[in-house]
Amino acid sequence: MTNKRDSSFASLQALRDRLPVGNPAPVVVAKSAGPARAVVRLERKHRRGKEVTVVEKLALSSTELERWCRELKQTLGCGGTVDGDVIVLQGDFRKRLPDVLTAMGVLRTTVSG
């Protein structure tokens, strides 16, 4: 007794036999390179004594800045926002940010202040 399922697999086997021999070309996903540099600095002015870490000079589009801000907030466990062309993170992350930014693809990170 032949059921419908067996016959459909047999037809697929016949189709597979018609495929050319060889390895398929590997799919290459182009990873977007990160920015060439970033400047990280601490700010206290006009913030009622609260410290924020500012990441600037990334030269990214506004949508990319939003994505980077979201990823930095998740990685560092803090709040933050995009203000113009800079990312503002709540707290002092000058020691941790260079390693995180390097892992995200930034080639050179300068920490000041």
N, C-alpha and C. Protein backbone atom coordinates (compact mmCIF):
# COMPACT_ATOMS: atom_id res chain seq x y z
N MET A 1 0.85 -1.17 0.00
CA MET A 1 0.00 0.00 0.00
C MET A 1 0.89 1.24 0.00
N THR A 2 0.74 2.05 -0.96
CA THR A 2 1.52 3.27 -1.09
C THR A 2 0.64 4.44 -0.69
N ASN A 3 1.16 5.23 0.25
CA ASN A 3 0.35 6.39 0.63
C ASN A 3 0.83 7.62 -0.12
N LYS A 4 0.08 8.69 -0.01
CA LYS A 4 0.36 9.91 -0.76
C LYS A 4 1.70 10.52 -0.35
N ARG A 5 2.05 10.40 0.92
CA ARG A 5 3.28 11.00 1.43
C ARG A 5 4.52 10.36 0.78
N ASP A 6 4.52 9.05 0.65
CA ASP A 6 5.65 8.35 0.03
C ASP A 6 5.83 8.78 -1.41
N SER A 7 4.74 8.95 -2.15
CA SER A 7 4.85 9.30 -3.56
C SER A 7 5.36 10.74 -3.72
N SER A 8 5.01 11.66 -2.82
CA SER A 8 5.51 13.03 -2.93
C SER A 8 7.00 13.08 -2.63
N PHE A 9 7.47 12.26 -1.70
CA PHE A 9 8.91 12.23 -1.44
C PHE A 9 9.67 11.60 -2.60
N ALA A 10 9.05 10.65 -3.26
CA ALA A 10 9.68 10.04 -4.42
C ALA A 10 9.81 11.05 -5.54
N SER A 11 8.81 11.89 -5.72
CA SER A 11 8.89 12.91 -6.77
C SER A 11 9.95 13.94 -6.41
N LEU A 12 10.11 14.26 -5.14
CA LEU A 12 11.17 15.18 -4.73
C LEU A 12 12.55 14.58 -4.97
N GLN A 13 12.68 13.29 -4.74
CA GLN A 13 13.95 12.61 -5.00
C GLN A 13 14.30 12.68 -6.48
N ALA A 14 13.30 12.55 -7.32
CA ALA A 14 13.54 12.64 -8.76
C ALA A 14 13.99 14.04 -9.14
N LEU A 15 13.42 15.06 -8.51
CA LEU A 15 13.83 16.44 -8.78
C LEU A 15 15.25 16.69 -8.28
N ARG A 16 15.59 16.14 -7.13
CA ARG A 16 16.92 16.33 -6.58
C ARG A 16 17.99 15.70 -7.47
N ASP A 17 17.64 14.62 -8.12
CA ASP A 17 18.59 13.96 -9.03
C ASP A 17 18.91 14.82 -10.24
N ARG A 18 18.03 15.77 -10.59
CA ARG A 18 18.25 16.65 -11.74
C ARG A 18 19.12 17.87 -11.41
N LEU A 19 19.40 18.11 -10.15
CA LEU A 19 20.21 19.27 -9.76
C LEU A 19 21.66 19.09 -10.21
N PRO A 20 22.35 20.19 -10.55
CA PRO A 20 23.75 20.06 -10.94
C PRO A 20 24.62 19.64 -9.76
N VAL A 21 25.71 18.95 -10.09
CA VAL A 21 26.63 18.48 -9.07
C VAL A 21 27.57 19.62 -8.69
N GLY A 22 27.88 19.73 -7.42
CA GLY A 22 28.82 20.76 -6.97
C GLY A 22 28.33 21.39 -5.68
N ASN A 23 29.20 22.15 -5.10
CA ASN A 23 28.87 22.83 -3.86
C ASN A 23 28.20 24.17 -4.17
N PRO A 24 27.19 24.51 -3.42
CA PRO A 24 26.57 25.82 -3.63
C PRO A 24 27.53 26.92 -3.17
N ALA A 25 27.41 28.06 -3.80
CA ALA A 25 28.26 29.20 -3.43
C ALA A 25 27.88 29.66 -2.02
N PRO A 26 28.87 29.93 -1.18
CA PRO A 26 28.56 30.38 0.17
C PRO A 26 27.92 31.77 0.14
N VAL A 27 26.97 31.95 1.02
CA VAL A 27 26.30 33.23 1.13
C VAL A 27 27.14 34.13 2.02
N VAL A 28 27.54 35.26 1.49
CA VAL A 28 28.37 36.20 2.23
C VAL A 28 27.50 37.37 2.65
N VAL A 29 27.41 37.58 3.94
CA VAL A 29 26.65 38.71 4.46
C VAL A 29 27.65 39.80 4.79
N ALA A 30 27.51 40.92 4.13
CA ALA A 30 28.43 42.03 4.36
C ALA A 30 28.10 42.70 5.69
N LYS A 31 29.03 42.68 6.61
CA LYS A 31 28.84 43.33 7.89
C LYS A 31 29.28 44.78 7.73
N SER A 32 28.39 45.67 8.11
CA SER A 32 28.74 47.07 7.96
C SER A 32 29.85 47.42 8.95
N ALA A 33 30.86 48.04 8.43
CA ALA A 33 31.98 48.43 9.28
C ALA A 33 31.54 49.58 10.18
N GLY A 34 32.07 49.58 11.37
CA GLY A 34 31.73 50.64 12.31
C GLY A 34 32.46 51.92 11.95
N PRO A 35 32.16 52.97 12.67
CA PRO A 35 32.83 54.24 12.41
C PRO A 35 34.32 54.16 12.72
N ALA A 36 35.07 55.06 12.12
CA ALA A 36 36.52 55.06 12.28
C ALA A 36 36.93 55.49 13.68
N ARG A 37 36.17 56.41 14.29
CA ARG A 37 36.57 56.87 15.61
C ARG A 37 35.37 57.29 16.44
N ALA A 38 35.62 57.40 17.73
CA ALA A 38 34.61 57.89 18.67
C ALA A 38 35.33 58.65 19.77
N VAL A 39 34.69 59.69 20.27
CA VAL A 39 35.22 60.46 21.38
C VAL A 39 34.24 60.29 22.54
N VAL A 40 34.77 59.86 23.67
CA VAL A 40 33.97 59.63 24.88
C VAL A 40 34.39 60.65 25.92
N ARG A 41 33.40 61.37 26.48
CA ARG A 41 33.73 62.34 27.53
C ARG A 41 32.62 62.39 28.57
N LEU A 42 32.98 62.88 29.76
CA LEU A 42 32.06 63.00 30.87
C LEU A 42 31.56 64.43 30.95
N GLU A 43 30.27 64.61 31.21
CA GLU A 43 29.68 65.94 31.36
C GLU A 43 28.91 66.02 32.66
N ARG A 44 29.01 67.17 33.32
CA ARG A 44 28.21 67.44 34.52
C ARG A 44 27.44 68.76 34.40
N LYS A 45 27.85 69.61 33.48
CA LYS A 45 27.25 70.94 33.36
C LYS A 45 25.80 70.86 32.92
N HIS A 46 24.98 71.73 33.50
CA HIS A 46 23.57 71.87 33.16
C HIS A 46 22.78 70.59 33.37
N ARG A 47 23.21 69.76 34.30
CA ARG A 47 22.51 68.50 34.55
C ARG A 47 22.26 68.29 36.05
N ARG A 48 22.27 69.39 36.80
CA ARG A 48 22.00 69.35 38.25
C ARG A 48 22.92 68.40 38.99
N GLY A 49 24.18 68.37 38.59
CA GLY A 49 25.17 67.54 39.27
C GLY A 49 25.22 66.10 38.83
N LYS A 50 24.30 65.70 37.98
CA LYS A 50 24.30 64.32 37.50
C LYS A 50 25.37 64.14 36.43
N GLU A 51 25.97 62.96 36.39
CA GLU A 51 27.01 62.67 35.41
C GLU A 51 26.40 61.94 34.22
N VAL A 52 26.82 62.35 33.03
CA VAL A 52 26.44 61.63 31.81
C VAL A 52 27.70 61.42 30.99
N THR A 53 27.73 60.33 30.25
CA THR A 53 28.83 60.05 29.35
C THR A 53 28.34 60.35 27.94
N VAL A 54 29.09 61.16 27.23
CA VAL A 54 28.73 61.58 25.87
C VAL A 54 29.65 60.86 24.88
N VAL A 55 29.04 60.24 23.89
CA VAL A 55 29.79 59.57 22.82
C VAL A 55 29.52 60.38 21.55
N GLU A 56 30.59 60.95 20.99
CA GLU A 56 30.42 61.80 19.82
C GLU A 56 31.42 61.44 18.73
N LYS A 57 31.33 62.12 17.60
CA LYS A 57 32.21 61.94 16.43
C LYS A 57 32.04 60.56 15.80
N LEU A 58 30.86 59.95 15.94
CA LEU A 58 30.63 58.64 15.34
C LEU A 58 30.34 58.71 13.85
N ALA A 59 29.84 59.83 13.36
CA ALA A 59 29.52 60.02 11.94
C ALA A 59 28.57 58.95 11.42
N LEU A 60 27.47 58.75 12.14
CA LEU A 60 26.44 57.78 11.74
C LEU A 60 25.15 58.52 11.41
N SER A 61 24.29 57.88 10.64
CA SER A 61 22.99 58.47 10.34
C SER A 61 22.12 58.44 11.60
N SER A 62 21.01 59.15 11.58
CA SER A 62 20.16 59.23 12.76
C SER A 62 19.58 57.87 13.13
N THR A 63 19.22 57.06 12.14
CA THR A 63 18.68 55.74 12.46
C THR A 63 19.77 54.83 13.03
N GLU A 64 20.98 54.94 12.51
CA GLU A 64 22.10 54.16 13.05
C GLU A 64 22.43 54.62 14.47
N LEU A 65 22.38 55.92 14.72
CA LEU A 65 22.63 56.42 16.08
C LEU A 65 21.61 55.86 17.06
N GLU A 66 20.35 55.82 16.66
CA GLU A 66 19.30 55.25 17.52
C GLU A 66 19.58 53.78 17.83
N ARG A 67 19.99 53.03 16.80
CA ARG A 67 20.29 51.61 17.01
C ARG A 67 21.50 51.43 17.92
N TRP A 68 22.55 52.24 17.70
CA TRP A 68 23.74 52.16 18.55
C TRP A 68 23.40 52.55 19.99
N CYS A 69 22.58 53.56 20.16
CA CYS A 69 22.18 53.99 21.50
C CYS A 69 21.45 52.86 22.21
N ARG A 70 20.51 52.22 21.51
CA ARG A 70 19.76 51.12 22.10
C ARG A 70 20.69 49.98 22.50
N GLU A 71 21.64 49.63 21.64
CA GLU A 71 22.58 48.54 21.95
C GLU A 71 23.50 48.91 23.12
N LEU A 72 23.95 50.16 23.17
CA LEU A 72 24.81 50.58 24.29
C LEU A 72 24.03 50.56 25.60
N LYS A 73 22.80 51.01 25.59
CA LYS A 73 21.99 51.01 26.81
C LYS A 73 21.77 49.59 27.31
N GLN A 74 21.51 48.65 26.40
CA GLN A 74 21.31 47.26 26.80
C GLN A 74 22.60 46.65 27.32
N THR A 75 23.71 46.94 26.67
CA THR A 75 24.99 46.37 27.08
C THR A 75 25.44 46.91 28.42
N LEU A 76 25.30 48.22 28.62
CA LEU A 76 25.79 48.86 29.84
C LEU A 76 24.76 48.88 30.97
N GLY A 77 23.51 48.60 30.67
CA GLY A 77 22.48 48.59 31.69
C GLY A 77 22.18 49.98 32.23
N CYS A 78 22.00 50.93 31.34
CA CYS A 78 21.76 52.31 31.76
C CYS A 78 20.71 52.94 30.86
N GLY A 79 20.37 54.17 31.17
CA GLY A 79 19.47 54.94 30.34
C GLY A 79 20.29 55.80 29.41
N GLY A 80 19.65 56.32 28.40
CA GLY A 80 20.36 57.19 27.48
C GLY A 80 19.46 57.67 26.37
N THR A 81 19.99 58.58 25.56
CA THR A 81 19.24 59.14 24.45
C THR A 81 20.20 59.63 23.38
N VAL A 82 19.63 59.91 22.22
CA VAL A 82 20.38 60.53 21.14
C VAL A 82 20.02 62.01 21.16
N ASP A 83 21.03 62.86 21.23
CA ASP A 83 20.82 64.31 21.25
C ASP A 83 21.58 64.92 20.08
N GLY A 84 20.87 65.15 18.98
CA GLY A 84 21.54 65.64 17.77
C GLY A 84 22.36 64.54 17.14
N ASP A 85 23.68 64.73 17.13
CA ASP A 85 24.55 63.71 16.55
C ASP A 85 25.44 63.06 17.60
N VAL A 86 25.03 63.11 18.86
CA VAL A 86 25.77 62.47 19.95
C VAL A 86 24.86 61.51 20.71
N ILE A 87 25.46 60.54 21.36
CA ILE A 87 24.74 59.62 22.24
C ILE A 87 25.06 60.02 23.66
N VAL A 88 24.02 60.22 24.49
CA VAL A 88 24.18 60.62 25.88
C VAL A 88 23.72 59.46 26.75
N LEU A 89 24.64 58.92 27.55
CA LEU A 89 24.34 57.79 28.44
C LEU A 89 24.38 58.26 29.89
N GLN A 90 23.42 57.82 30.69
CA GLN A 90 23.34 58.24 32.08
C GLN A 90 24.36 57.48 32.92
N GLY A 91 25.30 58.21 33.52
CA GLY A 91 26.32 57.60 34.35
C GLY A 91 27.71 57.78 33.76
N ASP A 92 28.71 57.36 34.54
CA ASP A 92 30.10 57.48 34.12
C ASP A 92 30.56 56.12 33.58
N PHE A 93 30.72 56.02 32.27
CA PHE A 93 31.12 54.77 31.63
C PHE A 93 32.42 54.94 30.85
N ARG A 94 33.26 55.87 31.24
CA ARG A 94 34.50 56.13 30.50
C ARG A 94 35.43 54.94 30.51
N LYS A 95 35.42 54.12 31.55
CA LYS A 95 36.33 52.97 31.61
C LYS A 95 35.80 51.78 30.81
N ARG A 96 34.48 51.60 30.76
CA ARG A 96 33.90 50.45 30.08
C ARG A 96 33.64 50.67 28.60
N LEU A 97 33.37 51.91 28.21
CA LEU A 97 32.97 52.18 26.83
C LEU A 97 34.01 51.86 25.76
N PRO A 98 35.30 52.11 25.97
CA PRO A 98 36.25 51.79 24.89
C PRO A 98 36.20 50.33 24.45
N ASP A 99 36.10 49.41 25.40
CA ASP A 99 36.03 47.98 25.05
C ASP A 99 34.72 47.66 24.33
N VAL A 100 33.62 48.23 24.80
CA VAL A 100 32.33 47.98 24.18
C VAL A 100 32.30 48.54 22.75
N LEU A 101 32.81 49.75 22.57
CA LEU A 101 32.81 50.37 21.25
C LEU A 101 33.73 49.61 20.28
N THR A 102 34.85 49.12 20.77
CA THR A 102 35.74 48.31 19.93
C THR A 102 35.04 47.04 19.48
N ALA A 103 34.29 46.42 20.38
CA ALA A 103 33.55 45.21 20.03
C ALA A 103 32.45 45.52 19.01
N MET A 104 31.94 46.74 19.00
CA MET A 104 30.90 47.14 18.06
C MET A 104 31.48 47.57 16.71
N GLY A 105 32.80 47.66 16.59
CA GLY A 105 33.42 47.96 15.31
C GLY A 105 34.09 49.31 15.19
N VAL A 106 34.16 50.08 16.27
CA VAL A 106 34.84 51.37 16.21
C VAL A 106 36.34 51.10 16.21
N LEU A 107 37.06 51.74 15.29
CA LEU A 107 38.49 51.47 15.16
C LEU A 107 39.32 52.15 16.24
N ARG A 108 38.99 53.42 16.57
CA ARG A 108 39.77 54.16 17.55
C ARG A 108 38.84 54.92 18.48
N THR A 109 39.04 54.78 19.79
CA THR A 109 38.24 55.48 20.77
C THR A 109 39.13 56.38 21.61
N THR A 110 38.76 57.65 21.71
CA THR A 110 39.49 58.62 22.52
C THR A 110 38.63 58.96 23.72
N VAL A 111 39.20 58.82 24.92
CA VAL A 111 38.50 59.17 26.15
C VAL A 111 39.08 60.46 26.69
N SER A 112 38.22 61.44 26.94
CA SER A 112 38.69 62.71 27.50
C SER A 112 37.79 63.11 28.67
N GLY A 113 38.35 63.94 29.51
CA GLY A 113 37.61 64.51 30.64
C GLY A 113 37.31 63.52 31.68
